[in-house]
Amino acid sequence: MAESVYKVIELIGTSSESWEKAAAGAVSRAGETLRDLRVAEVVQLDLQLDAQGKVEAYRAKLKVSFKFEGS
């Protein structure tokens, strides 16, 4: 079996509706330009608030791995 190498990057997704949509949106967008996405791990959830303390956006920080292709 050939050895494989994976690269890990951090992404932050945002949504006005939920953390789940924020995370899914980040993975979906990354999948448009990266191949062989393997694992997405949510490492932090937070909220963006307006001046009155109302939730403006849900934010999900993820670590995403994909198979490294290089020479």
N, C-alpha and C. Protein backbone atom coordinates (compact mmCIF):
# COMPACT_ATOMS: atom_id res chain seq x y z
N MET A 1 0.84 -1.18 0.00
CA MET A 1 0.00 0.00 0.00
C MET A 1 0.89 1.24 0.00
N ALA A 2 0.62 2.19 -0.87
CA ALA A 2 1.39 3.42 -0.94
C ALA A 2 1.05 4.31 0.26
N GLU A 3 2.05 5.02 0.72
CA GLU A 3 1.83 5.94 1.83
C GLU A 3 1.13 7.19 1.31
N SER A 4 0.34 7.80 2.16
CA SER A 4 -0.38 9.01 1.79
C SER A 4 -0.03 10.12 2.75
N VAL A 5 -0.15 11.34 2.26
CA VAL A 5 0.08 12.53 3.08
C VAL A 5 -1.16 13.41 2.94
N TYR A 6 -1.59 13.97 4.06
CA TYR A 6 -2.76 14.82 4.07
C TYR A 6 -2.40 16.20 4.60
N LYS A 7 -2.97 17.21 4.01
CA LYS A 7 -2.77 18.58 4.45
C LYS A 7 -4.01 18.99 5.25
N VAL A 8 -3.80 19.78 6.30
CA VAL A 8 -4.89 20.28 7.13
C VAL A 8 -4.92 21.80 7.04
N ILE A 9 -6.10 22.34 6.75
CA ILE A 9 -6.27 23.79 6.71
C ILE A 9 -7.39 24.18 7.65
N GLU A 10 -7.42 25.46 8.04
CA GLU A 10 -8.50 25.97 8.85
C GLU A 10 -9.42 26.81 7.98
N LEU A 11 -10.71 26.64 8.20
CA LEU A 11 -11.73 27.41 7.51
C LEU A 11 -12.69 27.99 8.53
N ILE A 12 -13.29 29.12 8.22
CA ILE A 12 -14.35 29.68 9.04
C ILE A 12 -15.55 29.90 8.14
N GLY A 13 -16.65 29.24 8.46
CA GLY A 13 -17.89 29.42 7.72
C GLY A 13 -18.85 30.27 8.52
N THR A 14 -19.67 31.05 7.83
CA THR A 14 -20.66 31.89 8.51
C THR A 14 -22.04 31.64 7.93
N SER A 15 -23.05 31.84 8.77
CA SER A 15 -24.44 31.70 8.34
C SER A 15 -25.30 32.60 9.22
N SER A 16 -26.33 33.14 8.65
CA SER A 16 -27.28 33.93 9.46
C SER A 16 -28.31 33.03 10.13
N GLU A 17 -28.27 31.71 9.82
CA GLU A 17 -29.29 30.80 10.33
C GLU A 17 -28.83 29.83 11.41
N SER A 18 -27.63 29.19 11.24
CA SER A 18 -27.22 28.18 12.21
C SER A 18 -25.74 27.83 12.09
N TRP A 19 -25.21 27.20 13.13
CA TRP A 19 -23.83 26.71 13.09
C TRP A 19 -23.70 25.59 12.07
N GLU A 20 -24.71 24.75 11.98
CA GLU A 20 -24.66 23.64 11.02
C GLU A 20 -24.53 24.15 9.59
N LYS A 21 -25.29 25.18 9.25
CA LYS A 21 -25.21 25.74 7.90
C LYS A 21 -23.88 26.46 7.68
N ALA A 22 -23.34 27.06 8.73
CA ALA A 22 -22.03 27.70 8.62
C ALA A 22 -20.95 26.67 8.30
N ALA A 23 -20.97 25.55 9.02
CA ALA A 23 -19.98 24.49 8.79
C ALA A 23 -20.17 23.85 7.42
N ALA A 24 -21.40 23.52 7.09
CA ALA A 24 -21.67 22.89 5.79
C ALA A 24 -21.30 23.81 4.63
N GLY A 25 -21.54 25.10 4.78
CA GLY A 25 -21.18 26.05 3.74
C GLY A 25 -19.69 26.14 3.52
N ALA A 26 -18.92 26.10 4.61
CA ALA A 26 -17.45 26.15 4.50
C ALA A 26 -16.93 24.92 3.78
N VAL A 27 -17.45 23.74 4.12
CA VAL A 27 -17.00 22.50 3.47
C VAL A 27 -17.42 22.48 2.01
N SER A 28 -18.62 22.92 1.73
CA SER A 28 -19.10 22.95 0.35
C SER A 28 -18.24 23.87 -0.50
N ARG A 29 -17.94 25.04 0.01
CA ARG A 29 -17.12 26.01 -0.75
C ARG A 29 -15.71 25.46 -0.95
N ALA A 30 -15.13 24.86 0.07
CA ALA A 30 -13.78 24.28 -0.06
C ALA A 30 -13.78 23.18 -1.10
N GLY A 31 -14.85 22.41 -1.18
CA GLY A 31 -14.95 21.33 -2.14
C GLY A 31 -14.99 21.79 -3.59
N GLU A 32 -15.25 23.07 -3.81
CA GLU A 32 -15.25 23.60 -5.17
C GLU A 32 -13.84 23.74 -5.73
N THR A 33 -12.84 23.89 -4.86
CA THR A 33 -11.48 24.11 -5.34
C THR A 33 -10.48 23.07 -4.84
N LEU A 34 -10.85 22.27 -3.86
CA LEU A 34 -9.95 21.24 -3.33
C LEU A 34 -10.50 19.86 -3.66
N ARG A 35 -9.60 18.92 -3.94
CA ARG A 35 -10.01 17.55 -4.22
C ARG A 35 -9.69 16.66 -3.02
N ASP A 36 -10.37 15.57 -2.96
CA ASP A 36 -10.13 14.54 -1.94
C ASP A 36 -10.25 15.06 -0.51
N LEU A 37 -11.29 15.84 -0.24
CA LEU A 37 -11.54 16.23 1.15
C LEU A 37 -11.80 14.96 1.95
N ARG A 38 -11.21 14.87 3.14
CA ARG A 38 -11.32 13.63 3.92
C ARG A 38 -12.09 13.81 5.21
N VAL A 39 -11.69 14.78 6.03
CA VAL A 39 -12.29 14.96 7.35
C VAL A 39 -12.47 16.45 7.61
N ALA A 40 -13.60 16.80 8.21
CA ALA A 40 -13.83 18.17 8.67
C ALA A 40 -14.16 18.09 10.15
N GLU A 41 -13.37 18.77 10.96
CA GLU A 41 -13.55 18.76 12.41
C GLU A 41 -13.92 20.16 12.87
N VAL A 42 -15.07 20.31 13.52
CA VAL A 42 -15.46 21.60 14.08
C VAL A 42 -14.65 21.81 15.35
N VAL A 43 -13.88 22.89 15.38
CA VAL A 43 -13.02 23.13 16.54
C VAL A 43 -13.49 24.30 17.39
N GLN A 44 -14.37 25.15 16.83
CA GLN A 44 -14.86 26.28 17.62
C GLN A 44 -16.16 26.79 17.01
N LEU A 45 -17.09 27.16 17.87
CA LEU A 45 -18.33 27.80 17.45
C LEU A 45 -18.42 29.14 18.16
N ASP A 46 -18.80 30.19 17.43
CA ASP A 46 -19.03 31.48 18.08
C ASP A 46 -20.10 32.25 17.33
N LEU A 47 -20.44 33.41 17.87
CA LEU A 47 -21.48 34.25 17.31
C LEU A 47 -20.94 35.63 17.01
N GLN A 48 -21.41 36.22 15.94
CA GLN A 48 -21.12 37.62 15.66
C GLN A 48 -22.35 38.40 16.09
N LEU A 49 -22.15 39.43 16.91
CA LEU A 49 -23.26 40.19 17.48
C LEU A 49 -23.27 41.61 16.94
N ASP A 50 -24.47 42.20 16.89
CA ASP A 50 -24.56 43.60 16.52
C ASP A 50 -24.42 44.48 17.76
N ALA A 51 -24.56 45.77 17.62
CA ALA A 51 -24.36 46.71 18.74
C ALA A 51 -25.35 46.50 19.88
N GLN A 52 -26.51 45.93 19.59
CA GLN A 52 -27.52 45.67 20.63
C GLN A 52 -27.41 44.26 21.22
N GLY A 53 -26.42 43.51 20.80
CA GLY A 53 -26.24 42.16 21.32
C GLY A 53 -27.07 41.11 20.59
N LYS A 54 -27.68 41.47 19.47
CA LYS A 54 -28.48 40.52 18.69
C LYS A 54 -27.54 39.72 17.77
N VAL A 55 -27.86 38.44 17.61
CA VAL A 55 -27.03 37.57 16.76
C VAL A 55 -27.14 38.01 15.30
N GLU A 56 -25.99 38.32 14.70
CA GLU A 56 -25.94 38.64 13.27
C GLU A 56 -25.52 37.43 12.45
N ALA A 57 -24.61 36.62 13.01
CA ALA A 57 -24.12 35.46 12.26
C ALA A 57 -23.61 34.39 13.20
N TYR A 58 -23.81 33.15 12.79
CA TYR A 58 -23.23 31.99 13.44
C TYR A 58 -21.93 31.69 12.71
N ARG A 59 -20.86 31.42 13.46
CA ARG A 59 -19.58 31.13 12.83
C ARG A 59 -19.05 29.79 13.34
N ALA A 60 -18.56 28.99 12.41
CA ALA A 60 -17.98 27.69 12.74
C ALA A 60 -16.56 27.64 12.19
N LYS A 61 -15.59 27.40 13.09
CA LYS A 61 -14.20 27.22 12.66
C LYS A 61 -13.96 25.73 12.52
N LEU A 62 -13.40 25.32 11.36
CA LEU A 62 -13.17 23.91 11.07
C LEU A 62 -11.72 23.67 10.69
N LYS A 63 -11.26 22.46 10.99
CA LYS A 63 -10.02 21.95 10.43
C LYS A 63 -10.44 20.92 9.39
N VAL A 64 -9.98 21.12 8.17
CA VAL A 64 -10.35 20.25 7.06
C VAL A 64 -9.10 19.62 6.48
N SER A 65 -9.14 18.31 6.27
CA SER A 65 -7.98 17.64 5.68
C SER A 65 -8.33 17.15 4.28
N PHE A 66 -7.29 17.15 3.44
CA PHE A 66 -7.41 16.62 2.09
C PHE A 66 -6.10 15.98 1.69
N LYS A 67 -6.20 15.07 0.74
CA LYS A 67 -5.02 14.33 0.31
C LYS A 67 -4.05 15.27 -0.40
N PHE A 68 -2.81 15.27 0.02
CA PHE A 68 -1.78 16.15 -0.54
C PHE A 68 -1.24 15.53 -1.80
N GLU A 69 -1.27 16.32 -2.87
CA GLU A 69 -0.72 15.89 -4.16
C GLU A 69 0.47 16.78 -4.47
N GLY A 70 1.63 16.26 -4.45
CA GLY A 70 2.82 17.04 -4.76
C GLY A 70 3.93 16.15 -5.26
N SER A 71 4.93 16.79 -5.78
CA SER A 71 6.06 15.99 -6.30
C SER A 71 7.12 15.79 -5.25
